[in-house]
Each structure stands twice: as structure tokens, then as C-alpha cells.
PDB file of N, CA and C in Angstrom:
ATOM      1  N   MET A   1      -0.810 -39.155  36.296  1.00  0.00           N
ATOM      2  CA  MET A   1       0.510 -38.592  36.488  1.00  0.00           C
ATOM      3  C   MET A   1       0.692 -38.219  37.956  1.00  0.00           C
ATOM      4  N   ARG A   2       1.755 -38.661  38.547  1.00  0.00           N
ATOM      5  CA  ARG A   2       2.026 -38.404  39.955  1.00  0.00           C
ATOM      6  C   ARG A   2       2.667 -37.038  40.140  1.00  0.00           C
ATOM      7  N   LYS A   3       2.154 -36.292  41.088  1.00  0.00           N
ATOM      8  CA  LYS A   3       2.705 -34.973  41.387  1.00  0.00           C
ATOM      9  C   LYS A   3       3.972 -35.126  42.219  1.00  0.00           C
ATOM     10  N   ALA A   4       4.894 -34.202  42.051  1.00  0.00           N
ATOM     11  CA  ALA A   4       6.157 -34.234  42.799  1.00  0.00           C
ATOM     12  C   ALA A   4       5.924 -33.896  44.265  1.00  0.00           C
ATOM     13  N   ASN A   5       6.660 -34.546  45.133  1.00  0.00           N
ATOM     14  CA  ASN A   5       6.639 -34.217  46.553  1.00  0.00           C
ATOM     15  C   ASN A   5       7.598 -33.061  46.785  1.00  0.00           C
ATOM     16  N   LEU A   6       7.211 -32.171  47.667  1.00  0.00           N
ATOM     17  CA  LEU A   6       8.008 -30.979  47.898  1.00  0.00           C
ATOM     18  C   LEU A   6       8.908 -31.123  49.114  1.00  0.00           C
ATOM     19  N   GLU A   7      10.027 -30.475  49.018  1.00  0.00           N
ATOM     20  CA  GLU A   7      11.038 -30.474  50.073  1.00  0.00           C
ATOM     21  C   GLU A   7      10.934 -29.195  50.895  1.00  0.00           C
ATOM     22  N   PRO A   8      11.364 -29.223  52.112  1.00  0.00           N
ATOM     23  CA  PRO A   8      12.074 -30.288  52.815  1.00  0.00           C
ATOM     24  C   PRO A   8      11.155 -31.292  53.517  1.00  0.00           C
ATOM     25  N   ALA A   9       9.838 -31.048  53.501  1.00  0.00           N
ATOM     26  CA  ALA A   9       8.919 -31.904  54.243  1.00  0.00           C
ATOM     27  C   ALA A   9       9.033 -33.375  53.835  1.00  0.00           C
ATOM     28  N   TYR A  10       9.148 -33.642  52.543  1.00  0.00           N
ATOM     29  CA  TYR A  10       9.193 -35.027  52.076  1.00  0.00           C
ATOM     30  C   TYR A  10      10.353 -35.795  52.705  1.00  0.00           C
ATOM     31  N   THR A  11      11.544 -35.227  52.682  1.00  0.00           N
ATOM     32  CA  THR A  11      12.724 -35.903  53.227  1.00  0.00           C
ATOM     33  C   THR A  11      12.608 -36.072  54.741  1.00  0.00           C
ATOM     34  N   ILE A  12      12.115 -35.070  55.424  1.00  0.00           N
ATOM     35  CA  ILE A  12      11.956 -35.150  56.881  1.00  0.00           C
ATOM     36  C   ILE A  12      11.000 -36.277  57.246  1.00  0.00           C
ATOM     37  N   ILE A  13       9.878 -36.341  56.561  1.00  0.00           N
ATOM     38  CA  ILE A  13       8.880 -37.389  56.833  1.00  0.00           C
ATOM     39  C   ILE A  13       9.474 -38.766  56.585  1.00  0.00           C
ATOM     40  N   ARG A  14      10.211 -38.937  55.500  1.00  0.00           N
ATOM     41  CA  ARG A  14      10.831 -40.235  55.193  1.00  0.00           C
ATOM     42  C   ARG A  14      11.856 -40.613  56.265  1.00  0.00           C
ATOM     43  N   LYS A  15      12.673 -39.653  56.704  1.00  0.00           N
ATOM     44  CA  LYS A  15      13.681 -39.941  57.727  1.00  0.00           C
ATOM     45  C   LYS A  15      13.035 -40.411  59.028  1.00  0.00           C
ATOM     46  N   LEU A  16      11.850 -39.886  59.327  1.00  0.00           N
ATOM     47  CA  LEU A  16      11.199 -40.193  60.597  1.00  0.00           C
ATOM     48  C   LEU A  16      10.253 -41.388  60.528  1.00  0.00           C
ATOM     49  N   GLY A  17      10.122 -42.002  59.366  1.00  0.00           N
ATOM     50  CA  GLY A  17       9.341 -43.232  59.281  1.00  0.00           C
ATOM     51  C   GLY A  17       8.037 -43.162  58.523  1.00  0.00           C
ATOM     52  N   GLY A  18       7.767 -42.072  57.847  1.00  0.00           N
ATOM     53  CA  GLY A  18       6.577 -41.984  57.015  1.00  0.00           C
ATOM     54  C   GLY A  18       5.470 -41.125  57.617  1.00  0.00           C
ATOM     55  N   ASP A  19       4.446 -40.923  56.793  1.00  0.00           N
ATOM     56  CA  ASP A  19       3.329 -40.048  57.161  1.00  0.00           C
ATOM     57  C   ASP A  19       2.647 -40.455  58.462  1.00  0.00           C
ATOM     58  N   ALA A  20       2.294 -41.728  58.569  1.00  0.00           N
ATOM     59  CA  ALA A  20       1.560 -42.197  59.758  1.00  0.00           C
ATOM     60  C   ALA A  20       2.408 -42.042  61.018  1.00  0.00           C
ATOM     61  N   ARG A  21       3.683 -42.342  60.921  1.00  0.00           N
ATOM     62  CA  ARG A  21       4.573 -42.223  62.087  1.00  0.00           C
ATOM     63  C   ARG A  21       4.725 -40.764  62.517  1.00  0.00           C
ATOM     64  N   VAL A  22       4.894 -39.868  61.560  1.00  0.00           N
ATOM     65  CA  VAL A  22       5.014 -38.447  61.877  1.00  0.00           C
ATOM     66  C   VAL A  22       3.722 -37.919  62.494  1.00  0.00           C
ATOM     67  N   ALA A  23       2.584 -38.357  61.984  1.00  0.00           N
ATOM     68  CA  ALA A  23       1.301 -37.955  62.571  1.00  0.00           C
ATOM     69  C   ALA A  23       1.231 -38.402  64.030  1.00  0.00           C
ATOM     70  N   GLU A  24       1.669 -39.611  64.296  1.00  0.00           N
ATOM     71  CA  GLU A  24       1.681 -40.135  65.662  1.00  0.00           C
ATOM     72  C   GLU A  24       2.622 -39.326  66.559  1.00  0.00           C
ATOM     73  N   ILE A  25       3.819 -39.048  66.066  1.00  0.00           N
ATOM     74  CA  ILE A  25       4.800 -38.274  66.836  1.00  0.00           C
ATOM     75  C   ILE A  25       4.229 -36.903  67.209  1.00  0.00           C
ATOM     76  N   CYS A  26       3.537 -36.282  66.256  1.00  0.00           N
ATOM     77  CA  CYS A  26       2.999 -34.930  66.464  1.00  0.00           C
ATOM     78  C   CYS A  26       1.646 -34.925  67.173  1.00  0.00           C
ATOM     79  N   GLY A  27       1.087 -36.103  67.436  1.00  0.00           N
ATOM     80  CA  GLY A  27      -0.205 -36.171  68.101  1.00  0.00           C
ATOM     81  C   GLY A  27      -1.365 -35.734  67.221  1.00  0.00           C
ATOM     82  N   LEU A  28      -1.234 -35.974  65.918  1.00  0.00           N
ATOM     83  CA  LEU A  28      -2.268 -35.578  64.966  1.00  0.00           C
ATOM     84  C   LEU A  28      -3.296 -36.685  64.807  1.00  0.00           C
ATOM     85  N   ASP A  29      -4.566 -36.322  64.773  1.00  0.00           N
ATOM     86  CA  ASP A  29      -5.632 -37.303  64.591  1.00  0.00           C
ATOM     87  C   ASP A  29      -5.699 -37.804  63.154  1.00  0.00           C
ATOM     88  N   ASP A  30      -5.389 -36.945  62.217  1.00  0.00           N
ATOM     89  CA  ASP A  30      -5.476 -37.288  60.796  1.00  0.00           C
ATOM     90  C   ASP A  30      -4.109 -37.721  60.293  1.00  0.00           C
ATOM     91  N   ARG A  31      -3.987 -38.974  59.929  1.00  0.00           N
ATOM     92  CA  ARG A  31      -2.702 -39.520  59.477  1.00  0.00           C
ATOM     93  C   ARG A  31      -2.253 -38.961  58.142  1.00  0.00           C
ATOM     94  N   THR A  32      -3.155 -38.285  57.424  1.00  0.00           N
ATOM     95  CA  THR A  32      -2.777 -37.731  56.124  1.00  0.00           C
ATOM     96  C   THR A  32      -2.226 -36.305  56.227  1.00  0.00           C
ATOM     97  N   THR A  33      -2.284 -35.709  57.396  1.00  0.00           N
ATOM     98  CA  THR A  33      -1.798 -34.337  57.545  1.00  0.00           C
ATOM     99  C   THR A  33      -0.337 -34.183  57.121  1.00  0.00           C
ATOM    100  N   PRO A  34       0.583 -35.029  57.588  1.00  0.00           N
ATOM    101  CA  PRO A  34       1.973 -34.879  57.127  1.00  0.00           C
ATOM    102  C   PRO A  34       2.117 -35.026  55.609  1.00  0.00           C
ATOM    103  N   TYR A  35       1.328 -35.868  55.005  1.00  0.00           N
ATOM    104  CA  TYR A  35       1.357 -36.012  53.545  1.00  0.00           C
ATOM    105  C   TYR A  35       1.053 -34.670  52.883  1.00  0.00           C
ATOM    106  N   ARG A  36       0.099 -33.939  53.423  1.00  0.00           N
ATOM    107  CA  ARG A  36      -0.271 -32.647  52.844  1.00  0.00           C
ATOM    108  C   ARG A  36       0.867 -31.629  52.940  1.00  0.00           C
ATOM    109  N   TRP A  37       1.782 -31.812  53.884  1.00  0.00           N
ATOM    110  CA  TRP A  37       2.934 -30.913  53.974  1.00  0.00           C
ATOM    111  C   TRP A  37       3.815 -31.037  52.737  1.00  0.00           C
ATOM    112  N   THR A  38       3.739 -32.153  52.034  1.00  0.00           N
ATOM    113  CA  THR A  38       4.584 -32.397  50.863  1.00  0.00           C
ATOM    114  C   THR A  38       3.919 -31.966  49.565  1.00  0.00           C
ATOM    115  N   ARG A  39       2.736 -31.411  49.646  1.00  0.00           N
ATOM    116  CA  ARG A  39       1.976 -31.048  48.445  1.00  0.00           C
ATOM    117  C   ARG A  39       2.035 -29.543  48.195  1.00  0.00           C
ATOM    118  N   PRO A  40       1.882 -29.127  46.950  1.00  0.00           N
ATOM    119  CA  PRO A  40       1.854 -27.695  46.632  1.00  0.00           C
ATOM    120  C   PRO A  40       0.662 -26.995  47.291  1.00  0.00           C
ATOM    121  N   LYS A  41       0.816 -25.727  47.555  1.00  0.00           N
ATOM    122  CA  LYS A  41      -0.272 -24.954  48.156  1.00  0.00           C
ATOM    123  C   LYS A  41      -1.511 -24.960  47.270  1.00  0.00           C
ATOM    124  N   ALA A  42      -1.318 -24.992  45.960  1.00  0.00           N
ATOM    125  CA  ALA A  42      -2.440 -25.021  45.020  1.00  0.00           C
ATOM    126  C   ALA A  42      -3.278 -26.292  45.172  1.00  0.00           C
ATOM    127  N   LEU A  43      -2.680 -27.324  45.752  1.00  0.00           N
ATOM    128  CA  LEU A  43      -3.382 -28.595  45.977  1.00  0.00           C
ATOM    129  C   LEU A  43      -3.712 -28.784  47.457  1.00  0.00           C
ATOM    130  N   ARG A  44      -3.869 -27.677  48.169  1.00  0.00           N
ATOM    131  CA  ARG A  44      -4.233 -27.664  49.585  1.00  0.00           C
ATOM    132  C   ARG A  44      -3.152 -28.248  50.485  1.00  0.00           C
ATOM    133  N   GLY A  45      -1.899 -28.108  50.038  1.00  0.00           N
ATOM    134  CA  GLY A  45      -0.765 -28.536  50.837  1.00  0.00           C
ATOM    135  C   GLY A  45      -0.080 -27.350  51.484  1.00  0.00           C
ATOM    136  N   SER A  46       1.067 -27.602  52.084  1.00  0.00           N
ATOM    137  CA  SER A  46       1.809 -26.510  52.724  1.00  0.00           C
ATOM    138  C   SER A  46       3.032 -26.095  51.900  1.00  0.00           C
ATOM    139  N   GLY A  47       3.145 -26.629  50.705  1.00  0.00           N
ATOM    140  CA  GLY A  47       4.253 -26.235  49.844  1.00  0.00           C
ATOM    141  C   GLY A  47       5.603 -26.780  50.264  1.00  0.00           C
ATOM    142  N   GLY A  48       5.610 -27.883  50.982  1.00  0.00           N
ATOM    143  CA  GLY A  48       6.867 -28.501  51.405  1.00  0.00           C
ATOM    144  C   GLY A  48       7.357 -28.031  52.761  1.00  0.00           C
ATOM    145  N   ILE A  49       6.575 -27.210  53.431  1.00  0.00           N
ATOM    146  CA  ILE A  49       6.964 -26.658  54.724  1.00  0.00           C
ATOM    147  C   ILE A  49       6.285 -27.429  55.850  1.00  0.00           C
ATOM    148  N   VAL A  50       7.080 -27.848  56.827  1.00  0.00           N
ATOM    149  CA  VAL A  50       6.536 -28.464  58.044  1.00  0.00           C
ATOM    150  C   VAL A  50       6.086 -27.314  58.943  1.00  0.00           C
ATOM    151  N   PRO A  51       4.825 -27.308  59.382  1.00  0.00           N
ATOM    152  CA  PRO A  51       4.374 -26.226  60.255  1.00  0.00           C
ATOM    153  C   PRO A  51       5.267 -26.082  61.490  1.00  0.00           C
ATOM    154  N   SER A  52       5.594 -24.841  61.822  1.00  0.00           N
ATOM    155  CA  SER A  52       6.573 -24.564  62.874  1.00  0.00           C
ATOM    156  C   SER A  52       6.190 -25.154  64.227  1.00  0.00           C
ATOM    157  N   ARG A  53       4.909 -25.306  64.503  1.00  0.00           N
ATOM    158  CA  ARG A  53       4.505 -25.855  65.808  1.00  0.00           C
ATOM    159  C   ARG A  53       4.925 -27.315  65.981  1.00  0.00           C
ATOM    160  N   HIS A  54       5.228 -28.007  64.873  1.00  0.00           N
ATOM    161  CA  HIS A  54       5.619 -29.414  64.947  1.00  0.00           C
ATOM    162  C   HIS A  54       7.134 -29.621  64.966  1.00  0.00           C
ATOM    163  N   VAL A  55       7.882 -28.604  64.605  1.00  0.00           N
ATOM    164  CA  VAL A  55       9.334 -28.737  64.483  1.00  0.00           C
ATOM    165  C   VAL A  55       9.998 -29.170  65.793  1.00  0.00           C
ATOM    166  N   PRO A  56       9.713 -28.526  66.938  1.00  0.00           N
ATOM    167  CA  PRO A  56      10.384 -28.951  68.179  1.00  0.00           C
ATOM    168  C   PRO A  56      10.098 -30.411  68.551  1.00  0.00           C
ATOM    169  N   VAL A  57       8.878 -30.842  68.343  1.00  0.00           N
ATOM    170  CA  VAL A  57       8.509 -32.230  68.672  1.00  0.00           C
ATOM    171  C   VAL A  57       9.266 -33.206  67.774  1.00  0.00           C
ATOM    172  N   LEU A  58       9.352 -32.886  66.498  1.00  0.00           N
ATOM    173  CA  LEU A  58      10.044 -33.772  65.567  1.00  0.00           C
ATOM    174  C   LEU A  58      11.544 -33.800  65.832  1.00  0.00           C
ATOM    175  N   LEU A  59      12.122 -32.662  66.167  1.00  0.00           N
ATOM    176  CA  LEU A  59      13.548 -32.635  66.499  1.00  0.00           C
ATOM    177  C   LEU A  59      13.839 -33.429  67.773  1.00  0.00           C
ATOM    178  N   LYS A  60      12.994 -33.294  68.766  1.00  0.00           N
ATOM    179  CA  LYS A  60      13.168 -34.035  70.016  1.00  0.00           C
ATOM    180  C   LYS A  60      13.101 -35.547  69.756  1.00  0.00           C
ATOM    181  N   TYR A  61      12.125 -35.957  68.952  1.00  0.00           N
ATOM    182  CA  TYR A  61      11.988 -37.376  68.611  1.00  0.00           C
ATOM    183  C   TYR A  61      13.240 -37.866  67.870  1.00  0.00           C
ATOM    184  N   ALA A  62      13.709 -37.077  66.897  1.00  0.00           N
ATOM    185  CA  ALA A  62      14.880 -37.473  66.118  1.00  0.00           C
ATOM    186  C   ALA A  62      16.108 -37.631  67.019  1.00  0.00           C
ATOM    187  N   ARG A  63      16.296 -36.696  67.949  1.00  0.00           N
ATOM    188  CA  ARG A  63      17.432 -36.804  68.883  1.00  0.00           C
ATOM    189  C   ARG A  63      17.326 -38.076  69.709  1.00  0.00           C
ATOM    190  N   LYS A  64      16.120 -38.330  70.227  1.00  0.00           N
ATOM    191  CA  LYS A  64      15.895 -39.508  71.066  1.00  0.00           C
ATOM    192  C   LYS A  64      16.204 -40.801  70.310  1.00  0.00           C
ATOM    193  N   LYS A  65      15.830 -40.837  69.043  1.00  0.00           N
ATOM    194  CA  LYS A  65      16.020 -42.044  68.224  1.00  0.00           C
ATOM    195  C   LYS A  65      17.328 -42.031  67.437  1.00  0.00           C
ATOM    196  N   ARG A  66      18.144 -40.994  67.669  1.00  0.00           N
ATOM    197  CA  ARG A  66      19.426 -40.843  66.975  1.00  0.00           C
ATOM    198  C   ARG A  66      19.281 -40.820  65.460  1.00  0.00           C
ATOM    199  N   ILE A  67      18.256 -40.117  65.017  1.00  0.00           N
ATOM    200  CA  ILE A  67      18.025 -39.908  63.586  1.00  0.00           C
ATOM    201  C   ILE A  67      18.680 -38.579  63.222  1.00  0.00           C
ATOM    202  N   PRO A  68      19.533 -38.564  62.231  1.00  0.00           N
ATOM    203  CA  PRO A  68      20.230 -37.322  61.879  1.00  0.00           C
ATOM    204  C   PRO A  68      19.271 -36.291  61.284  1.00  0.00           C
ATOM    205  N   LEU A  69      18.867 -35.344  62.121  1.00  0.00           N
ATOM    206  CA  LEU A  69      17.936 -34.296  61.713  1.00  0.00           C
ATOM    207  C   LEU A  69      18.250 -33.057  62.542  1.00  0.00           C
ATOM    208  N   THR A  70      18.362 -31.919  61.872  1.00  0.00           N
ATOM    209  CA  THR A  70      18.649 -30.671  62.580  1.00  0.00           C
ATOM    210  C   THR A  70      17.614 -29.622  62.184  1.00  0.00           C
ATOM    211  N   ALA A  71      17.616 -28.513  62.909  1.00  0.00           N
ATOM    212  CA  ALA A  71      16.708 -27.411  62.593  1.00  0.00           C
ATOM    213  C   ALA A  71      16.934 -26.913  61.170  1.00  0.00           C
ATOM    214  N   ASN A  72      18.159 -26.948  60.709  1.00  0.00           N
ATOM    215  CA  ASN A  72      18.455 -26.498  59.327  1.00  0.00           C
ATOM    216  C   ASN A  72      17.765 -27.351  58.285  1.00  0.00           C
ATOM    217  N   ASP A  73      17.468 -28.606  58.598  1.00  0.00           N
ATOM    218  CA  ASP A  73      16.781 -29.479  57.651  1.00  0.00           C
ATOM    219  C   ASP A  73      15.362 -29.012  57.362  1.00  0.00           C
ATOM    220  N   PHE A  74      14.802 -28.196  58.231  1.00  0.00           N
ATOM    221  CA  PHE A  74      13.437 -27.706  58.049  1.00  0.00           C
ATOM    222  C   PHE A  74      13.356 -26.451  57.204  1.00  0.00           C
ATOM    223  N   VAL A  75      14.510 -25.875  56.867  1.00  0.00           N
ATOM    224  CA  VAL A  75      14.560 -24.645  56.070  1.00  0.00           C
ATOM    225  C   VAL A  75      14.623 -25.010  54.594  1.00  0.00           C
ATOM    226  N   PRO A  76      13.677 -24.521  53.790  1.00  0.00           N
ATOM    227  CA  PRO A  76      13.704 -24.846  52.370  1.00  0.00           C
ATOM    228  C   PRO A  76      14.911 -24.231  51.659  1.00  0.00           C
ATOM    229  N   SER A  77      15.417 -24.924  50.673  1.00  0.00           N
ATOM    230  CA  SER A  77      16.510 -24.405  49.845  1.00  0.00           C
ATOM    231  C   SER A  77      15.957 -23.374  48.886  1.00  0.00           C
ATOM    232  N   LEU A  78      16.747 -22.401  48.601  1.00  0.00           N
ATOM    233  CA  LEU A  78      16.310 -21.376  47.635  1.00  0.00           C
ATOM    234  C   LEU A  78      16.725 -21.740  46.242  1.00  0.00           C
TER     235      LEU A  78
END
């Protein structure tokens, strides 16, 4: 059974080209790190939250590539 991907990380990663691309943009050595952002905390994920240290880099990349992404997209819905 496949576990659900958590938001907003899942949508952000897809908009930017996938796990490997986001890892590259953020300068991460482990290509699976962005994938873990989409997993529940109980499964050693971040619960759908993109770590704040990566947000400025991802927003800058999105602006450069004209990908519709704003700071509000990183805020989880209640």
C-alpha cells in the first residue's frame, strides 16, 4: 500500500521538476532528501514541510525559470 504524499512539499517538488532536480537546486548530496519532505514525521519525513533554509533558493530558481511559485505556496493549509 502506497503512503500518501504530504503537502505542500509534494506539489512544490513536482512544480520544480521532481526530487532529483530539487536536490540539485538546493545543493543537496542526497537526492532522496526532498522525497523525505513529502513523508509523515512518523516515517522520518518532515510532514510535508520544506525546510526553511531551502525556501529562498527554491523561490529564486522558480522566478528565474518563470515557474509559478510564491512564498505562500510553502505554507501548509490548515
